[in-house]
Amino acid sequence: MAAEPVHHEAQDPRDPEWILAMLPAQAGEAFLADYQAAVDAAHQVSGCRQLQELLQSWSVRAVAYSSPGFFEHRADARNPQPGQWLAAEDVIPGWADRLKQAL
């Protein structure tokens, strides 16, 4: 007997329920406030695009926020420790020459 294929419904990452389920509680509150404002604006034809863009933006944030260590990495980036960053000239070929040309 052959196995039957398993069909999974693809989850639309712009689905507000999916976004809300992916977000931590504190971000969920901000999403709901933004979402409600965009839904209100979408009652006008011109506001429909705003709602689509909001869902796309929050979808990307939901994936990022649910990544392990995201908030710790974000805090580290906002408060770098001495020696944590590389100098541009160490990672960008010809940086010193580019800088001279720009000035």
N, C-alpha and C. Protein backbone atom coordinates (compact mmCIF):
# COMPACT_ATOMS: atom_id res chain seq x y z
N MET A 1 0.84 -1.17 0.00
CA MET A 1 0.00 0.00 0.00
C MET A 1 0.89 1.24 0.00
N ALA A 2 0.62 2.13 -0.91
CA ALA A 2 1.41 3.36 -1.05
C ALA A 2 0.98 4.38 -0.01
N ALA A 3 1.94 5.12 0.46
CA ALA A 3 1.63 6.17 1.43
C ALA A 3 0.92 7.32 0.72
N GLU A 4 -0.02 7.89 1.42
CA GLU A 4 -0.73 9.04 0.88
C GLU A 4 0.09 10.30 1.14
N PRO A 5 0.13 11.19 0.16
CA PRO A 5 0.87 12.44 0.41
C PRO A 5 0.19 13.26 1.49
N VAL A 6 1.00 13.90 2.27
CA VAL A 6 0.49 14.76 3.33
C VAL A 6 0.41 16.18 2.77
N HIS A 7 -0.75 16.78 2.88
CA HIS A 7 -0.93 18.15 2.40
C HIS A 7 -0.99 19.09 3.59
N HIS A 8 -0.12 20.05 3.56
CA HIS A 8 -0.12 21.08 4.58
C HIS A 8 -0.52 22.38 3.91
N GLU A 9 -1.43 23.08 4.54
CA GLU A 9 -1.76 24.39 4.01
C GLU A 9 -0.60 25.32 4.28
N ALA A 10 -0.18 25.98 3.23
CA ALA A 10 0.90 26.94 3.39
C ALA A 10 0.38 28.12 4.20
N GLN A 11 1.13 28.48 5.20
CA GLN A 11 0.74 29.61 6.06
C GLN A 11 1.21 30.90 5.40
N ASP A 12 0.31 31.81 5.21
CA ASP A 12 0.66 33.10 4.65
C ASP A 12 1.33 33.92 5.74
N PRO A 13 2.58 34.29 5.57
CA PRO A 13 3.27 35.05 6.61
C PRO A 13 2.72 36.46 6.80
N ARG A 14 1.81 36.88 5.94
CA ARG A 14 1.17 38.18 6.13
C ARG A 14 -0.19 38.05 6.81
N ASP A 15 -0.49 36.85 7.27
CA ASP A 15 -1.73 36.62 8.01
C ASP A 15 -1.59 37.23 9.40
N PRO A 16 -2.48 38.13 9.78
CA PRO A 16 -2.35 38.78 11.10
C PRO A 16 -2.33 37.79 12.26
N GLU A 17 -3.07 36.70 12.16
CA GLU A 17 -3.05 35.70 13.25
C GLU A 17 -1.69 35.03 13.34
N TRP A 18 -1.08 34.73 12.20
CA TRP A 18 0.24 34.10 12.18
C TRP A 18 1.26 35.07 12.78
N ILE A 19 1.19 36.33 12.35
CA ILE A 19 2.13 37.34 12.87
C ILE A 19 2.01 37.44 14.38
N LEU A 20 0.79 37.56 14.86
CA LEU A 20 0.56 37.71 16.30
C LEU A 20 1.07 36.48 17.06
N ALA A 21 0.88 35.30 16.51
CA ALA A 21 1.34 34.07 17.17
C ALA A 21 2.86 34.00 17.23
N MET A 22 3.54 34.60 16.27
CA MET A 22 5.00 34.55 16.22
C MET A 22 5.65 35.58 17.13
N LEU A 23 4.93 36.65 17.44
CA LEU A 23 5.53 37.75 18.19
C LEU A 23 5.53 37.51 19.70
N PRO A 24 6.55 38.00 20.39
CA PRO A 24 6.52 38.01 21.85
C PRO A 24 5.44 38.99 22.30
N ALA A 25 4.97 38.84 23.52
CA ALA A 25 3.83 39.62 24.03
C ALA A 25 4.01 41.13 23.85
N GLN A 26 5.19 41.66 24.22
CA GLN A 26 5.36 43.11 24.15
C GLN A 26 5.29 43.62 22.71
N ALA A 27 5.76 42.85 21.77
CA ALA A 27 5.67 43.26 20.36
C ALA A 27 4.26 43.04 19.83
N GLY A 28 3.57 42.05 20.37
CA GLY A 28 2.19 41.78 19.94
C GLY A 28 1.28 42.96 20.19
N GLU A 29 1.46 43.63 21.30
CA GLU A 29 0.65 44.79 21.62
C GLU A 29 0.88 45.92 20.62
N ALA A 30 2.13 46.15 20.25
CA ALA A 30 2.46 47.19 19.27
C ALA A 30 1.89 46.81 17.91
N PHE A 31 2.00 45.52 17.54
CA PHE A 31 1.44 45.08 16.27
C PHE A 31 -0.06 45.32 16.22
N LEU A 32 -0.77 44.94 17.27
CA LEU A 32 -2.22 45.11 17.28
C LEU A 32 -2.63 46.58 17.13
N ALA A 33 -1.90 47.47 17.78
CA ALA A 33 -2.20 48.90 17.66
C ALA A 33 -1.98 49.37 16.22
N ASP A 34 -0.84 48.99 15.64
CA ASP A 34 -0.55 49.36 14.26
C ASP A 34 -1.56 48.75 13.30
N TYR A 35 -1.91 47.49 13.55
CA TYR A 35 -2.85 46.77 12.68
C TYR A 35 -4.22 47.44 12.71
N GLN A 36 -4.69 47.79 13.90
CA GLN A 36 -6.01 48.41 14.00
C GLN A 36 -6.04 49.74 13.25
N ALA A 37 -4.98 50.52 13.37
CA ALA A 37 -4.92 51.80 12.66
C ALA A 37 -4.92 51.58 11.14
N ALA A 38 -4.19 50.57 10.69
CA ALA A 38 -4.13 50.28 9.25
C ALA A 38 -5.46 49.74 8.74
N VAL A 39 -6.14 48.93 9.54
CA VAL A 39 -7.46 48.42 9.15
C VAL A 39 -8.44 49.58 9.04
N ASP A 40 -8.40 50.49 9.98
CA ASP A 40 -9.27 51.66 9.93
C ASP A 40 -9.00 52.47 8.66
N ALA A 41 -7.73 52.65 8.33
CA ALA A 41 -7.36 53.41 7.13
C ALA A 41 -7.75 52.66 5.85
N ALA A 42 -7.79 51.32 5.91
CA ALA A 42 -8.10 50.51 4.73
C ALA A 42 -9.57 50.60 4.32
N HIS A 43 -10.39 51.22 5.14
CA HIS A 43 -11.79 51.42 4.73
C HIS A 43 -11.85 52.36 3.53
N GLN A 44 -10.80 53.14 3.35
CA GLN A 44 -10.66 53.97 2.17
C GLN A 44 -9.75 53.23 1.20
N VAL A 45 -10.02 53.32 -0.07
CA VAL A 45 -9.23 52.61 -1.07
C VAL A 45 -7.75 52.95 -0.95
N SER A 46 -7.46 54.19 -0.70
CA SER A 46 -6.06 54.60 -0.60
C SER A 46 -5.34 53.98 0.60
N GLY A 47 -6.07 53.51 1.59
CA GLY A 47 -5.45 52.92 2.78
C GLY A 47 -5.16 51.44 2.65
N CYS A 48 -5.63 50.82 1.58
CA CYS A 48 -5.43 49.38 1.41
C CYS A 48 -3.93 49.04 1.29
N ARG A 49 -3.20 49.84 0.55
CA ARG A 49 -1.77 49.60 0.37
C ARG A 49 -1.04 49.70 1.71
N GLN A 50 -1.46 50.64 2.54
CA GLN A 50 -0.85 50.81 3.87
C GLN A 50 -1.01 49.53 4.69
N LEU A 51 -2.18 48.91 4.63
CA LEU A 51 -2.41 47.67 5.37
C LEU A 51 -1.52 46.56 4.84
N GLN A 52 -1.40 46.44 3.54
CA GLN A 52 -0.54 45.41 2.94
C GLN A 52 0.92 45.60 3.35
N GLU A 53 1.37 46.84 3.32
CA GLU A 53 2.76 47.13 3.69
C GLU A 53 3.01 46.87 5.18
N LEU A 54 2.02 47.20 6.00
CA LEU A 54 2.15 46.95 7.44
C LEU A 54 2.28 45.45 7.71
N LEU A 55 1.43 44.64 7.06
CA LEU A 55 1.49 43.20 7.28
C LEU A 55 2.82 42.62 6.80
N GLN A 56 3.33 43.12 5.69
CA GLN A 56 4.63 42.66 5.19
C GLN A 56 5.73 43.02 6.18
N SER A 57 5.72 44.25 6.65
CA SER A 57 6.74 44.72 7.59
C SER A 57 6.70 43.92 8.89
N TRP A 58 5.52 43.74 9.45
CA TRP A 58 5.41 42.99 10.71
C TRP A 58 5.71 41.51 10.51
N SER A 59 5.47 40.99 9.33
CA SER A 59 5.81 39.60 9.05
C SER A 59 7.32 39.40 9.16
N VAL A 60 8.06 40.32 8.58
CA VAL A 60 9.53 40.25 8.65
C VAL A 60 9.99 40.39 10.09
N ARG A 61 9.39 41.32 10.82
CA ARG A 61 9.75 41.50 12.24
C ARG A 61 9.43 40.25 13.05
N ALA A 62 8.30 39.62 12.77
CA ALA A 62 7.91 38.43 13.52
C ALA A 62 8.94 37.32 13.35
N VAL A 63 9.43 37.15 12.13
CA VAL A 63 10.47 36.14 11.90
C VAL A 63 11.74 36.51 12.66
N ALA A 64 12.13 37.78 12.57
CA ALA A 64 13.34 38.22 13.26
C ALA A 64 13.19 38.07 14.77
N TYR A 65 12.08 38.58 15.32
CA TYR A 65 11.88 38.56 16.77
C TYR A 65 11.83 37.14 17.32
N SER A 66 11.38 36.19 16.50
CA SER A 66 11.28 34.81 16.99
C SER A 66 12.59 34.04 16.82
N SER A 67 13.59 34.67 16.21
CA SER A 67 14.89 34.02 16.05
C SER A 67 15.60 33.97 17.40
N PRO A 68 16.20 32.82 17.74
CA PRO A 68 16.90 32.72 19.02
C PRO A 68 17.98 33.79 19.16
N GLY A 69 17.96 34.47 20.28
CA GLY A 69 18.98 35.46 20.58
C GLY A 69 18.79 36.81 19.93
N PHE A 70 17.67 37.03 19.23
CA PHE A 70 17.48 38.29 18.51
C PHE A 70 17.61 39.50 19.43
N PHE A 71 16.90 39.49 20.54
CA PHE A 71 16.88 40.67 21.41
C PHE A 71 18.24 40.90 22.06
N GLU A 72 18.96 39.82 22.36
CA GLU A 72 20.30 39.96 22.93
C GLU A 72 21.25 40.56 21.90
N HIS A 73 21.15 40.07 20.65
CA HIS A 73 22.02 40.60 19.60
C HIS A 73 21.69 42.06 19.31
N ARG A 74 20.41 42.40 19.35
CA ARG A 74 20.01 43.79 19.12
C ARG A 74 20.56 44.69 20.23
N ALA A 75 20.48 44.23 21.47
CA ALA A 75 21.01 45.01 22.59
C ALA A 75 22.52 45.18 22.44
N ASP A 76 23.22 44.12 22.03
CA ASP A 76 24.67 44.21 21.82
C ASP A 76 25.00 45.22 20.73
N ALA A 77 24.21 45.24 19.67
CA ALA A 77 24.45 46.17 18.56
C ALA A 77 24.19 47.61 18.99
N ARG A 78 23.24 47.81 19.87
CA ARG A 78 22.92 49.16 20.33
C ARG A 78 23.92 49.67 21.37
N ASN A 79 24.59 48.77 22.04
CA ASN A 79 25.55 49.14 23.08
C ASN A 79 26.86 48.39 22.86
N PRO A 80 27.59 48.73 21.81
CA PRO A 80 28.81 47.98 21.51
C PRO A 80 29.88 48.17 22.59
N GLN A 81 30.62 47.13 22.80
CA GLN A 81 31.74 47.16 23.73
C GLN A 81 33.00 47.53 22.96
N PRO A 82 33.97 48.15 23.62
CA PRO A 82 35.22 48.49 22.93
C PRO A 82 35.84 47.25 22.29
N GLY A 83 36.27 47.41 21.05
CA GLY A 83 36.89 46.31 20.33
C GLY A 83 35.91 45.37 19.66
N GLN A 84 34.63 45.62 19.81
CA GLN A 84 33.62 44.73 19.24
C GLN A 84 33.44 44.97 17.75
N TRP A 85 33.75 46.17 17.28
CA TRP A 85 33.52 46.53 15.89
C TRP A 85 34.81 46.51 15.12
N LEU A 86 34.72 46.16 13.86
CA LEU A 86 35.87 46.22 12.97
C LEU A 86 35.91 47.59 12.31
N ALA A 87 37.09 48.05 12.04
CA ALA A 87 37.25 49.32 11.34
C ALA A 87 36.93 49.12 9.86
N ALA A 88 36.34 50.12 9.23
CA ALA A 88 35.95 50.03 7.82
C ALA A 88 37.16 49.67 6.95
N GLU A 89 38.30 50.26 7.25
CA GLU A 89 39.48 49.99 6.42
C GLU A 89 39.95 48.54 6.53
N ASP A 90 39.54 47.83 7.58
CA ASP A 90 39.91 46.43 7.73
C ASP A 90 39.02 45.48 6.92
N VAL A 91 37.85 45.94 6.52
CA VAL A 91 36.93 45.04 5.83
C VAL A 91 36.49 45.52 4.44
N ILE A 92 36.75 46.78 4.11
CA ILE A 92 36.35 47.31 2.81
C ILE A 92 37.61 47.65 2.02
N PRO A 93 37.86 46.89 0.95
CA PRO A 93 39.07 47.15 0.15
C PRO A 93 39.08 48.58 -0.38
N GLY A 94 40.21 49.24 -0.24
CA GLY A 94 40.37 50.59 -0.75
C GLY A 94 39.61 51.65 0.02
N TRP A 95 39.25 51.36 1.26
CA TRP A 95 38.46 52.32 2.04
C TRP A 95 39.15 53.67 2.21
N ALA A 96 40.42 53.65 2.52
CA ALA A 96 41.14 54.91 2.73
C ALA A 96 41.12 55.78 1.47
N ASP A 97 41.28 55.15 0.31
CA ASP A 97 41.24 55.91 -0.95
C ASP A 97 39.83 56.44 -1.21
N ARG A 98 38.83 55.64 -0.95
CA ARG A 98 37.44 56.09 -1.14
C ARG A 98 37.13 57.27 -0.24
N LEU A 99 37.61 57.19 0.99
CA LEU A 99 37.36 58.26 1.94
C LEU A 99 38.03 59.56 1.49
N LYS A 100 39.26 59.47 1.00
CA LYS A 100 39.96 60.65 0.50
C LYS A 100 39.22 61.27 -0.69
N GLN A 101 38.72 60.44 -1.58
CA GLN A 101 37.98 60.94 -2.75
C GLN A 101 36.68 61.61 -2.34
N ALA A 102 36.05 61.10 -1.31
CA ALA A 102 34.77 61.66 -0.87
C ALA A 102 34.95 63.00 -0.19
N LEU A 103 36.12 63.22 0.42
CA LEU A 103 36.37 64.48 1.13
C LEU A 103 36.95 65.45 0.20
